[in-house]
Amino acid sequence: MKEKDIKTYIYSIIVVLSFILVAIGASLAIVYYKVNGNNENGNVDVKTAYVTAAFHEIQGFNDENVLPGWSNEMKFEIINTSTEENAVGRYSLVWDITKNEIDSKDFVYTLTGESTLDGQTIEDNTPTNKLVTVTGQQIVPTISFTLGSGIINTGVKHSYVLKVSFLESGENQNEVQGKTFNSTIVAQGK
């Protein structure tokens, strides 16, 4: 073999091995994750490489005999507890509705949120910090659905309040009163 052919052969082997090593390294990075608080809450699913997150939910909705004028709220937070700087995580909030017997335009919800870092409010809607937002009052769905997606950087806490109300319309609401509503929030990592 000529010296030129040998060099081409060696470079080809090096390139192929490099691609294989990059593919193996990327595969291993995707499966590295850790979740704090999952043992207690049981509803965190983080799949982002090198990001650890804690999800704290005070309580879900477990309400029976709901009447017009009723309201309740659920508070929960997501904290990026990663130790690496700029370990940006992405998540979705899924509203897991296990029972909603109140199918009415008067059964509404609002979702508000706040981003903090070391107890100080920080700017939302940046490439590394985005709250899940819901505009105005919305009708409570009868089945589970995704509220939206958020982005959270290292050390940041996203605090949310999900408020549900059965509005008094002044019209006959007998058919939809006295019903049951059960649900919880699930945070899923992306």
N, C-alpha and C. Protein backbone atom coordinates (compact mmCIF):
# COMPACT_ATOMS: atom_id res chain seq x y z
N MET A 1 0.83 -1.19 0.00
CA MET A 1 0.00 0.00 0.00
C MET A 1 0.88 1.25 0.00
N LYS A 2 0.37 2.24 -0.63
CA LYS A 2 1.09 3.50 -0.67
C LYS A 2 0.86 4.22 0.65
N GLU A 3 1.79 5.13 0.95
CA GLU A 3 1.70 5.90 2.21
C GLU A 3 0.43 6.74 2.24
N LYS A 4 -0.01 7.29 1.08
CA LYS A 4 -1.22 8.11 1.00
C LYS A 4 -2.45 7.27 1.31
N ASP A 5 -2.51 6.03 0.80
CA ASP A 5 -3.64 5.14 1.05
C ASP A 5 -3.71 4.74 2.52
N ILE A 6 -2.57 4.52 3.15
CA ILE A 6 -2.54 4.15 4.56
C ILE A 6 -3.06 5.31 5.42
N LYS A 7 -2.65 6.54 5.13
CA LYS A 7 -3.12 7.71 5.89
C LYS A 7 -4.63 7.89 5.72
N THR A 8 -5.14 7.71 4.52
CA THR A 8 -6.57 7.82 4.27
C THR A 8 -7.33 6.75 5.04
N TYR A 9 -6.82 5.56 5.05
CA TYR A 9 -7.43 4.45 5.79
C TYR A 9 -7.47 4.75 7.29
N ILE A 10 -6.37 5.23 7.84
CA ILE A 10 -6.29 5.56 9.28
C ILE A 10 -7.25 6.70 9.63
N TYR A 11 -7.29 7.75 8.80
CA TYR A 11 -8.21 8.87 9.06
C TYR A 11 -9.67 8.40 9.01
N SER A 12 -9.98 7.51 8.10
CA SER A 12 -11.35 6.98 8.00
C SER A 12 -11.73 6.23 9.26
N ILE A 13 -10.83 5.42 9.79
CA ILE A 13 -11.09 4.68 11.03
C ILE A 13 -11.29 5.65 12.19
N ILE A 14 -10.48 6.68 12.27
CA ILE A 14 -10.59 7.67 13.35
C ILE A 14 -11.93 8.39 13.28
N VAL A 15 -12.36 8.78 12.09
CA VAL A 15 -13.64 9.47 11.93
C VAL A 15 -14.80 8.56 12.35
N VAL A 16 -14.81 7.31 11.93
CA VAL A 16 -15.87 6.38 12.29
C VAL A 16 -15.91 6.16 13.80
N LEU A 17 -14.76 5.95 14.42
CA LEU A 17 -14.70 5.77 15.87
C LEU A 17 -15.17 7.02 16.61
N SER A 18 -14.86 8.19 16.10
CA SER A 18 -15.31 9.45 16.73
C SER A 18 -16.83 9.53 16.72
N PHE A 19 -17.46 9.20 15.59
CA PHE A 19 -18.92 9.22 15.52
C PHE A 19 -19.53 8.24 16.51
N ILE A 20 -18.96 7.08 16.63
CA ILE A 20 -19.47 6.07 17.58
C ILE A 20 -19.36 6.57 19.01
N LEU A 21 -18.23 7.15 19.38
CA LEU A 21 -18.04 7.67 20.74
C LEU A 21 -19.00 8.81 21.04
N VAL A 22 -19.23 9.70 20.09
CA VAL A 22 -20.17 10.80 20.30
C VAL A 22 -21.58 10.25 20.50
N ALA A 23 -21.98 9.27 19.72
CA ALA A 23 -23.32 8.69 19.85
C ALA A 23 -23.50 8.02 21.21
N ILE A 24 -22.49 7.28 21.67
CA ILE A 24 -22.57 6.62 22.98
C ILE A 24 -22.62 7.66 24.08
N GLY A 25 -21.80 8.70 24.01
CA GLY A 25 -21.78 9.75 25.03
C GLY A 25 -23.10 10.48 25.11
N ALA A 26 -23.71 10.80 23.97
CA ALA A 26 -25.01 11.47 23.96
C ALA A 26 -26.09 10.59 24.57
N SER A 27 -26.06 9.30 24.28
CA SER A 27 -27.05 8.37 24.84
C SER A 27 -26.96 8.32 26.36
N LEU A 28 -25.75 8.28 26.88
CA LEU A 28 -25.58 8.23 28.33
C LEU A 28 -26.00 9.53 28.99
N ALA A 29 -25.76 10.66 28.37
CA ALA A 29 -26.13 11.96 28.95
C ALA A 29 -27.64 12.11 29.07
N ILE A 30 -28.38 11.56 28.15
CA ILE A 30 -29.83 11.71 28.15
C ILE A 30 -30.46 10.97 29.32
N VAL A 31 -29.90 9.87 29.76
CA VAL A 31 -30.54 9.10 30.82
C VAL A 31 -30.08 9.50 32.22
N TYR A 32 -29.17 10.47 32.36
CA TYR A 32 -28.72 10.90 33.68
C TYR A 32 -29.71 11.93 34.23
N TYR A 33 -30.44 11.59 35.27
CA TYR A 33 -31.33 12.53 35.91
C TYR A 33 -31.53 12.13 37.36
N LYS A 34 -31.99 13.09 38.16
CA LYS A 34 -32.24 12.86 39.57
C LYS A 34 -33.44 13.69 39.97
N VAL A 35 -34.31 13.15 40.80
CA VAL A 35 -35.49 13.87 41.26
C VAL A 35 -35.52 13.86 42.77
N ASN A 36 -35.66 15.04 43.36
CA ASN A 36 -35.83 15.16 44.81
C ASN A 36 -37.31 15.35 45.10
N GLY A 37 -37.81 14.75 46.15
CA GLY A 37 -39.19 14.92 46.54
C GLY A 37 -40.14 13.96 45.85
N ASN A 38 -39.67 13.18 44.92
CA ASN A 38 -40.54 12.27 44.19
C ASN A 38 -41.10 11.18 45.09
N ASN A 39 -40.33 10.76 46.11
CA ASN A 39 -40.81 9.71 47.01
C ASN A 39 -42.07 10.15 47.75
N GLU A 40 -42.13 11.46 48.08
CA GLU A 40 -43.27 11.96 48.83
C GLU A 40 -44.45 12.27 47.92
N ASN A 41 -44.19 12.90 46.78
CA ASN A 41 -45.27 13.38 45.93
C ASN A 41 -45.71 12.38 44.87
N GLY A 42 -44.75 11.62 44.34
CA GLY A 42 -45.08 10.61 43.37
C GLY A 42 -45.57 11.14 42.04
N ASN A 43 -45.36 12.40 41.75
CA ASN A 43 -45.87 12.94 40.49
C ASN A 43 -44.87 13.87 39.83
N VAL A 44 -43.61 13.47 39.81
CA VAL A 44 -42.57 14.20 39.11
C VAL A 44 -41.93 13.27 38.11
N ASP A 45 -41.75 13.75 36.91
CA ASP A 45 -41.14 12.93 35.87
C ASP A 45 -40.13 13.80 35.13
N VAL A 46 -38.88 13.82 35.59
CA VAL A 46 -37.85 14.67 35.00
C VAL A 46 -36.98 13.81 34.08
N LYS A 47 -36.83 14.26 32.83
CA LYS A 47 -36.03 13.52 31.86
C LYS A 47 -34.95 14.40 31.26
N THR A 48 -34.66 15.54 31.85
CA THR A 48 -33.66 16.45 31.32
C THR A 48 -32.30 16.08 31.85
N ALA A 49 -31.30 16.04 30.98
CA ALA A 49 -29.95 15.65 31.40
C ALA A 49 -29.35 16.67 32.35
N TYR A 50 -28.75 16.20 33.42
CA TYR A 50 -28.00 17.00 34.39
C TYR A 50 -28.83 18.07 35.10
N VAL A 51 -30.11 17.92 35.20
CA VAL A 51 -30.95 18.86 35.92
C VAL A 51 -31.68 18.09 37.02
N THR A 52 -31.65 18.63 38.24
CA THR A 52 -32.45 18.04 39.31
C THR A 52 -33.53 19.05 39.68
N ALA A 53 -34.69 18.54 39.97
CA ALA A 53 -35.81 19.42 40.28
C ALA A 53 -36.62 18.83 41.42
N ALA A 54 -37.24 19.70 42.20
CA ALA A 54 -38.14 19.27 43.26
C ALA A 54 -39.51 19.85 42.97
N PHE A 55 -40.54 19.06 43.12
CA PHE A 55 -41.92 19.49 42.92
C PHE A 55 -42.65 19.32 44.24
N HIS A 56 -43.25 20.41 44.71
CA HIS A 56 -43.98 20.37 45.98
C HIS A 56 -45.42 20.81 45.73
N GLU A 57 -46.35 19.94 46.06
CA GLU A 57 -47.76 20.25 45.93
C GLU A 57 -48.36 20.21 47.33
N ILE A 58 -49.06 21.26 47.69
CA ILE A 58 -49.68 21.30 49.02
C ILE A 58 -50.80 20.25 49.11
N GLN A 59 -51.71 20.28 48.17
CA GLN A 59 -52.80 19.30 48.12
C GLN A 59 -53.50 19.43 46.78
N GLY A 60 -54.17 18.38 46.37
CA GLY A 60 -54.96 18.43 45.16
C GLY A 60 -56.37 18.88 45.49
N PHE A 61 -57.23 18.89 44.49
CA PHE A 61 -58.65 19.20 44.71
C PHE A 61 -59.40 17.90 44.95
N ASN A 62 -60.08 17.81 46.08
CA ASN A 62 -60.93 16.66 46.42
C ASN A 62 -62.21 17.21 47.03
N ASP A 63 -63.06 17.77 46.18
CA ASP A 63 -64.23 18.49 46.67
C ASP A 63 -65.51 17.82 46.23
N GLU A 64 -66.43 17.68 47.19
CA GLU A 64 -67.73 17.08 46.94
C GLU A 64 -68.81 18.10 47.26
N ASN A 65 -69.98 17.91 46.68
CA ASN A 65 -71.13 18.77 46.91
C ASN A 65 -70.81 20.23 46.62
N VAL A 66 -70.20 20.48 45.45
CA VAL A 66 -69.80 21.83 45.04
C VAL A 66 -71.05 22.62 44.64
N LEU A 67 -71.18 23.81 45.22
CA LEU A 67 -72.34 24.66 44.97
C LEU A 67 -71.89 25.98 44.34
N PRO A 68 -72.80 26.68 43.64
CA PRO A 68 -72.45 27.99 43.09
C PRO A 68 -71.93 28.92 44.20
N GLY A 69 -70.89 29.68 43.88
CA GLY A 69 -70.25 30.55 44.86
C GLY A 69 -69.01 29.91 45.49
N TRP A 70 -68.82 28.61 45.28
CA TRP A 70 -67.68 27.87 45.83
C TRP A 70 -66.40 28.22 45.09
N SER A 71 -65.28 28.22 45.81
CA SER A 71 -63.96 28.32 45.17
C SER A 71 -62.94 27.61 46.05
N ASN A 72 -61.85 27.20 45.43
CA ASN A 72 -60.76 26.54 46.15
C ASN A 72 -59.49 26.80 45.35
N GLU A 73 -58.35 26.68 46.01
CA GLU A 73 -57.10 26.88 45.29
C GLU A 73 -56.06 25.85 45.69
N MET A 74 -55.16 25.57 44.75
CA MET A 74 -54.06 24.64 44.97
C MET A 74 -52.77 25.42 44.75
N LYS A 75 -51.84 25.29 45.70
CA LYS A 75 -50.54 25.93 45.57
C LYS A 75 -49.49 24.84 45.35
N PHE A 76 -48.56 25.11 44.43
CA PHE A 76 -47.48 24.16 44.18
C PHE A 76 -46.29 24.93 43.65
N GLU A 77 -45.12 24.30 43.74
CA GLU A 77 -43.90 24.95 43.26
C GLU A 77 -42.95 23.93 42.64
N ILE A 78 -42.14 24.44 41.72
CA ILE A 78 -41.09 23.66 41.09
C ILE A 78 -39.79 24.40 41.34
N ILE A 79 -38.78 23.69 41.84
CA ILE A 79 -37.50 24.30 42.17
C ILE A 79 -36.40 23.55 41.42
N ASN A 80 -35.56 24.29 40.71
CA ASN A 80 -34.41 23.68 40.03
C ASN A 80 -33.29 23.61 41.06
N THR A 81 -33.04 22.42 41.58
CA THR A 81 -32.05 22.22 42.65
C THR A 81 -30.70 21.75 42.12
N SER A 82 -30.46 21.93 40.82
CA SER A 82 -29.19 21.52 40.22
C SER A 82 -28.03 22.26 40.86
N THR A 83 -26.89 21.61 40.90
CA THR A 83 -25.69 22.25 41.45
C THR A 83 -24.85 22.91 40.37
N GLU A 84 -25.06 22.53 39.12
CA GLU A 84 -24.32 23.13 38.03
C GLU A 84 -24.96 24.44 37.61
N GLU A 85 -24.13 25.45 37.27
CA GLU A 85 -24.64 26.73 36.81
C GLU A 85 -25.33 26.57 35.47
N ASN A 86 -26.39 27.30 35.29
CA ASN A 86 -27.16 27.30 34.03
C ASN A 86 -27.59 25.91 33.59
N ALA A 87 -28.01 25.09 34.53
CA ALA A 87 -28.60 23.78 34.21
C ALA A 87 -30.08 24.03 33.98
N VAL A 88 -30.41 24.45 32.78
CA VAL A 88 -31.76 24.86 32.44
C VAL A 88 -32.63 23.63 32.21
N GLY A 89 -33.76 23.59 32.89
CA GLY A 89 -34.70 22.49 32.75
C GLY A 89 -35.99 22.95 32.09
N ARG A 90 -36.63 22.04 31.40
CA ARG A 90 -37.91 22.31 30.76
C ARG A 90 -38.94 21.33 31.31
N TYR A 91 -40.15 21.84 31.52
CA TYR A 91 -41.20 20.99 32.09
C TYR A 91 -42.56 21.39 31.54
N SER A 92 -43.50 20.48 31.69
CA SER A 92 -44.90 20.74 31.37
C SER A 92 -45.73 20.51 32.62
N LEU A 93 -46.78 21.28 32.78
CA LEU A 93 -47.73 21.07 33.86
C LEU A 93 -48.97 20.41 33.28
N VAL A 94 -49.27 19.23 33.77
CA VAL A 94 -50.44 18.49 33.32
C VAL A 94 -51.47 18.51 34.44
N TRP A 95 -52.67 18.93 34.12
CA TRP A 95 -53.76 18.93 35.10
C TRP A 95 -54.46 17.59 34.98
N ASP A 96 -54.20 16.72 35.95
CA ASP A 96 -54.75 15.37 35.96
C ASP A 96 -56.12 15.41 36.64
N ILE A 97 -57.16 15.46 35.84
CA ILE A 97 -58.53 15.56 36.35
C ILE A 97 -59.11 14.15 36.43
N THR A 98 -59.25 13.65 37.65
CA THR A 98 -59.75 12.30 37.83
C THR A 98 -61.27 12.24 37.87
N LYS A 99 -61.92 13.36 38.27
CA LYS A 99 -63.39 13.37 38.28
C LYS A 99 -63.86 14.82 38.24
N ASN A 100 -64.63 15.14 37.20
CA ASN A 100 -65.25 16.46 37.10
C ASN A 100 -66.68 16.27 36.62
N GLU A 101 -67.61 16.35 37.57
CA GLU A 101 -69.03 16.20 37.26
C GLU A 101 -69.69 17.54 36.95
N ILE A 102 -68.92 18.64 37.01
CA ILE A 102 -69.47 19.99 36.83
C ILE A 102 -69.13 20.47 35.43
N ASP A 103 -69.92 20.10 34.46
CA ASP A 103 -69.70 20.51 33.07
C ASP A 103 -70.51 21.78 32.83
N SER A 104 -69.88 22.94 33.12
CA SER A 104 -70.58 24.21 33.04
C SER A 104 -69.62 25.33 32.66
N LYS A 105 -70.14 26.31 31.91
CA LYS A 105 -69.34 27.49 31.56
C LYS A 105 -69.06 28.34 32.80
N ASP A 106 -69.75 28.11 33.89
CA ASP A 106 -69.57 28.86 35.13
C ASP A 106 -68.51 28.22 36.04
N PHE A 107 -67.96 27.08 35.65
CA PHE A 107 -66.92 26.41 36.43
C PHE A 107 -65.60 26.77 35.78
N VAL A 108 -64.86 27.71 36.41
CA VAL A 108 -63.70 28.33 35.77
C VAL A 108 -62.45 28.22 36.64
N TYR A 109 -61.29 28.48 36.01
CA TYR A 109 -60.02 28.46 36.74
C TYR A 109 -59.13 29.60 36.26
N THR A 110 -58.18 29.96 37.13
CA THR A 110 -57.09 30.87 36.79
C THR A 110 -55.80 30.25 37.30
N LEU A 111 -54.70 30.53 36.62
CA LEU A 111 -53.38 30.07 37.04
C LEU A 111 -52.47 31.28 37.08
N THR A 112 -51.88 31.53 38.25
CA THR A 112 -50.91 32.61 38.39
C THR A 112 -49.60 32.02 38.88
N GLY A 113 -48.51 32.67 38.51
CA GLY A 113 -47.20 32.17 38.90
C GLY A 113 -46.21 33.29 39.16
N GLU A 114 -45.15 32.92 39.88
CA GLU A 114 -44.09 33.87 40.19
C GLU A 114 -42.75 33.14 40.16
N SER A 115 -41.74 33.80 39.58
CA SER A 115 -40.37 33.26 39.55
C SER A 115 -39.54 34.00 40.59
N THR A 116 -38.82 33.21 41.41
CA THR A 116 -37.93 33.83 42.39
C THR A 116 -36.58 33.12 42.38
N LEU A 117 -35.55 33.89 42.74
CA LEU A 117 -34.20 33.37 42.91
C LEU A 117 -33.67 33.97 44.20
N ASP A 118 -33.34 33.12 45.16
CA ASP A 118 -32.89 33.57 46.49
C ASP A 118 -33.89 34.53 47.13
N GLY A 119 -35.18 34.25 46.96
CA GLY A 119 -36.23 35.05 47.59
C GLY A 119 -36.59 36.33 46.86
N GLN A 120 -35.91 36.65 45.78
CA GLN A 120 -36.18 37.87 45.01
C GLN A 120 -36.91 37.52 43.71
N THR A 121 -37.95 38.29 43.40
CA THR A 121 -38.67 38.08 42.15
C THR A 121 -37.75 38.36 40.98
N ILE A 122 -37.80 37.49 39.98
CA ILE A 122 -36.96 37.68 38.79
C ILE A 122 -37.84 37.74 37.55
N GLU A 123 -37.23 38.23 36.46
CA GLU A 123 -37.95 38.40 35.20
C GLU A 123 -38.36 37.06 34.61
N ASP A 124 -39.55 37.06 34.09
CA ASP A 124 -40.11 35.89 33.44
C ASP A 124 -40.01 36.08 31.92
N ASN A 125 -40.20 35.01 31.18
CA ASN A 125 -40.19 35.01 29.72
C ASN A 125 -38.84 35.36 29.12
N THR A 126 -37.80 34.75 29.66
CA THR A 126 -36.46 34.85 29.09
C THR A 126 -36.10 33.47 28.56
N PRO A 127 -35.01 33.35 27.81
CA PRO A 127 -34.64 32.03 27.28
C PRO A 127 -34.36 30.98 28.37
N THR A 128 -34.05 31.42 29.61
CA THR A 128 -33.75 30.47 30.68
C THR A 128 -34.78 30.51 31.82
N ASN A 129 -35.85 31.29 31.67
CA ASN A 129 -36.86 31.37 32.72
C ASN A 129 -38.21 31.73 32.12
N LYS A 130 -39.12 30.77 32.15
CA LYS A 130 -40.46 31.02 31.61
C LYS A 130 -41.48 30.26 32.45
N LEU A 131 -42.43 30.98 33.00
CA LEU A 131 -43.53 30.37 33.75
C LEU A 131 -44.57 29.82 32.78
N VAL A 132 -45.34 28.86 33.27
CA VAL A 132 -46.53 28.42 32.54
C VAL A 132 -47.57 29.51 32.75
N THR A 133 -48.12 30.02 31.66
CA THR A 133 -49.10 31.11 31.78
C THR A 133 -50.43 30.71 31.17
N VAL A 134 -51.49 31.13 31.83
CA VAL A 134 -52.85 30.96 31.35
C VAL A 134 -53.48 32.34 31.42
N THR A 135 -54.02 32.81 30.32
CA THR A 135 -54.57 34.16 30.26
C THR A 135 -56.01 34.18 30.73
N GLY A 136 -56.29 35.00 31.73
CA GLY A 136 -57.65 35.18 32.22
C GLY A 136 -58.30 33.93 32.77
N GLN A 137 -59.63 34.02 32.95
CA GLN A 137 -60.40 32.87 33.42
C GLN A 137 -60.68 31.93 32.27
N GLN A 138 -60.54 30.64 32.53
CA GLN A 138 -60.81 29.60 31.54
C GLN A 138 -61.81 28.61 32.13
N ILE A 139 -62.56 27.96 31.28
CA ILE A 139 -63.51 26.93 31.73
C ILE A 139 -62.72 25.69 32.13
N VAL A 140 -63.05 25.10 33.28
CA VAL A 140 -62.40 23.89 33.75
C VAL A 140 -62.78 22.74 32.82
N PRO A 141 -61.79 22.05 32.27
CA PRO A 141 -62.10 20.93 31.38
C PRO A 141 -62.63 19.73 32.16
N THR A 142 -63.24 18.82 31.43
CA THR A 142 -63.77 17.61 32.08
C THR A 142 -62.78 16.45 32.03
N ILE A 143 -61.69 16.62 31.25
CA ILE A 143 -60.66 15.58 31.17
C ILE A 143 -59.29 16.20 31.39
N SER A 144 -58.30 15.37 31.66
CA SER A 144 -56.93 15.84 31.89
C SER A 144 -56.37 16.51 30.65
N PHE A 145 -55.52 17.53 30.87
CA PHE A 145 -54.88 18.20 29.75
C PHE A 145 -53.64 18.95 30.24
N THR A 146 -52.82 19.41 29.30
CA THR A 146 -51.59 20.13 29.62
C THR A 146 -51.90 21.62 29.74
N LEU A 147 -51.54 22.20 30.89
CA LEU A 147 -51.73 23.64 31.10
C LEU A 147 -50.74 24.46 30.30
N GLY A 148 -49.52 23.94 30.13
CA GLY A 148 -48.50 24.66 29.38
C GLY A 148 -47.12 24.18 29.77
N SER A 149 -46.09 24.84 29.19
CA SER A 149 -44.70 24.46 29.42
C SER A 149 -43.93 25.60 30.04
N GLY A 150 -42.94 25.24 30.87
CA GLY A 150 -42.09 26.23 31.51
C GLY A 150 -40.63 25.90 31.34
N ILE A 151 -39.78 26.90 31.60
CA ILE A 151 -38.33 26.75 31.56
C ILE A 151 -37.81 27.30 32.88
N ILE A 152 -36.87 26.58 33.51
CA ILE A 152 -36.38 26.98 34.83
C ILE A 152 -34.87 26.79 34.92
N ASN A 153 -34.17 27.81 35.42
CA ASN A 153 -32.72 27.79 35.53
C ASN A 153 -32.30 27.36 36.94
N THR A 154 -31.03 27.11 37.14
CA THR A 154 -30.48 26.66 38.42
C THR A 154 -30.86 27.62 39.55
N GLY A 155 -31.38 27.08 40.65
CA GLY A 155 -31.70 27.86 41.84
C GLY A 155 -33.03 28.58 41.79
N VAL A 156 -33.70 28.59 40.67
CA VAL A 156 -34.94 29.33 40.51
C VAL A 156 -36.11 28.50 41.04
N LYS A 157 -37.09 29.21 41.63
CA LYS A 157 -38.32 28.57 42.12
C LYS A 157 -39.50 29.18 41.38
N HIS A 158 -40.34 28.32 40.81
CA HIS A 158 -41.59 28.74 40.19
C HIS A 158 -42.72 28.38 41.15
N SER A 159 -43.39 29.38 41.67
CA SER A 159 -44.51 29.18 42.60
C SER A 159 -45.81 29.48 41.86
N TYR A 160 -46.76 28.56 41.96
CA TYR A 160 -48.03 28.69 41.24
C TYR A 160 -49.21 28.62 42.21
N VAL A 161 -50.31 29.28 41.80
CA VAL A 161 -51.60 29.16 42.47
C VAL A 161 -52.63 28.87 41.38
N LEU A 162 -53.27 27.71 41.50
CA LEU A 162 -54.35 27.33 40.58
C LEU A 162 -55.66 27.49 41.36
N LYS A 163 -56.47 28.46 40.94
CA LYS A 163 -57.73 28.73 41.63
C LYS A 163 -58.90 28.28 40.76
N VAL A 164 -59.82 27.52 41.37
CA VAL A 164 -61.01 27.02 40.69
C VAL A 164 -62.23 27.62 41.37
N SER A 165 -63.18 28.11 40.58
CA SER A 165 -64.39 28.74 41.13
C SER A 165 -65.63 28.27 40.37
N PHE A 166 -66.71 28.08 41.12
CA PHE A 166 -68.01 27.81 40.52
C PHE A 166 -68.80 29.10 40.67
N LEU A 167 -68.86 29.88 39.59
CA LEU A 167 -69.45 31.21 39.64
C LEU A 167 -70.97 31.14 39.79
N GLU A 168 -71.50 32.04 40.58
CA GLU A 168 -72.95 32.20 40.74
C GLU A 168 -73.41 33.03 39.55
N SER A 169 -74.23 32.46 38.67
CA SER A 169 -74.62 33.14 37.44
C SER A 169 -75.92 33.92 37.57
N GLY A 170 -76.71 33.64 38.60
CA GLY A 170 -78.01 34.28 38.73
C GLY A 170 -79.08 33.53 37.95
N GLU A 171 -78.66 32.49 37.22
CA GLU A 171 -79.60 31.65 36.47
C GLU A 171 -79.76 30.32 37.20
N ASN A 172 -80.65 29.47 36.71
CA ASN A 172 -80.86 28.16 37.31
C ASN A 172 -79.62 27.28 37.06
N GLN A 173 -78.97 26.88 38.16
CA GLN A 173 -77.79 26.02 38.07
C GLN A 173 -78.00 24.70 38.81
N ASN A 174 -79.26 24.34 39.02
CA ASN A 174 -79.59 23.14 39.79
C ASN A 174 -78.98 21.86 39.20
N GLU A 175 -78.93 21.75 37.88
CA GLU A 175 -78.44 20.53 37.24
C GLU A 175 -76.96 20.28 37.48
N VAL A 176 -76.17 21.34 37.72
CA VAL A 176 -74.73 21.17 37.87
C VAL A 176 -74.23 21.42 39.30
N GLN A 177 -75.10 21.68 40.23
CA GLN A 177 -74.65 21.89 41.61
C GLN A 177 -74.68 20.59 42.40
N GLY A 178 -73.91 20.57 43.50
CA GLY A 178 -73.86 19.38 44.36
C GLY A 178 -73.03 18.26 43.78
N LYS A 179 -72.14 18.58 42.86
CA LYS A 179 -71.34 17.57 42.17
C LYS A 179 -69.93 17.48 42.77
N THR A 180 -69.12 16.55 42.23
CA THR A 180 -67.77 16.27 42.74
C THR A 180 -66.72 16.73 41.75
N PHE A 181 -65.58 17.22 42.31
CA PHE A 181 -64.44 17.61 41.49
C PHE A 181 -63.16 17.13 42.18
N ASN A 182 -62.40 16.26 41.49
CA ASN A 182 -61.12 15.73 42.01
C ASN A 182 -60.05 15.89 40.94
N SER A 183 -58.90 16.44 41.35
CA SER A 183 -57.79 16.57 40.40
C SER A 183 -56.50 16.88 41.13
N THR A 184 -55.40 16.79 40.40
CA THR A 184 -54.08 17.14 40.92
C THR A 184 -53.23 17.65 39.76
N ILE A 185 -52.07 18.19 40.08
CA ILE A 185 -51.14 18.67 39.07
C ILE A 185 -49.96 17.70 38.99
N VAL A 186 -49.52 17.42 37.77
CA VAL A 186 -48.36 16.57 37.54
C VAL A 186 -47.33 17.40 36.77
N ALA A 187 -46.08 17.43 37.26
CA ALA A 187 -45.00 18.12 36.54
C ALA A 187 -44.20 17.07 35.79
N GLN A 188 -44.05 17.28 34.48
CA GLN A 188 -43.31 16.33 33.64
C GLN A 188 -42.12 17.04 33.02
N GLY A 189 -40.92 16.49 33.23
CA GLY A 189 -39.73 17.04 32.61
C GLY A 189 -39.68 16.73 31.14
N LYS A 190 -39.02 17.60 30.40
CA LYS A 190 -38.90 17.40 28.94
C LYS A 190 -37.46 17.12 28.60
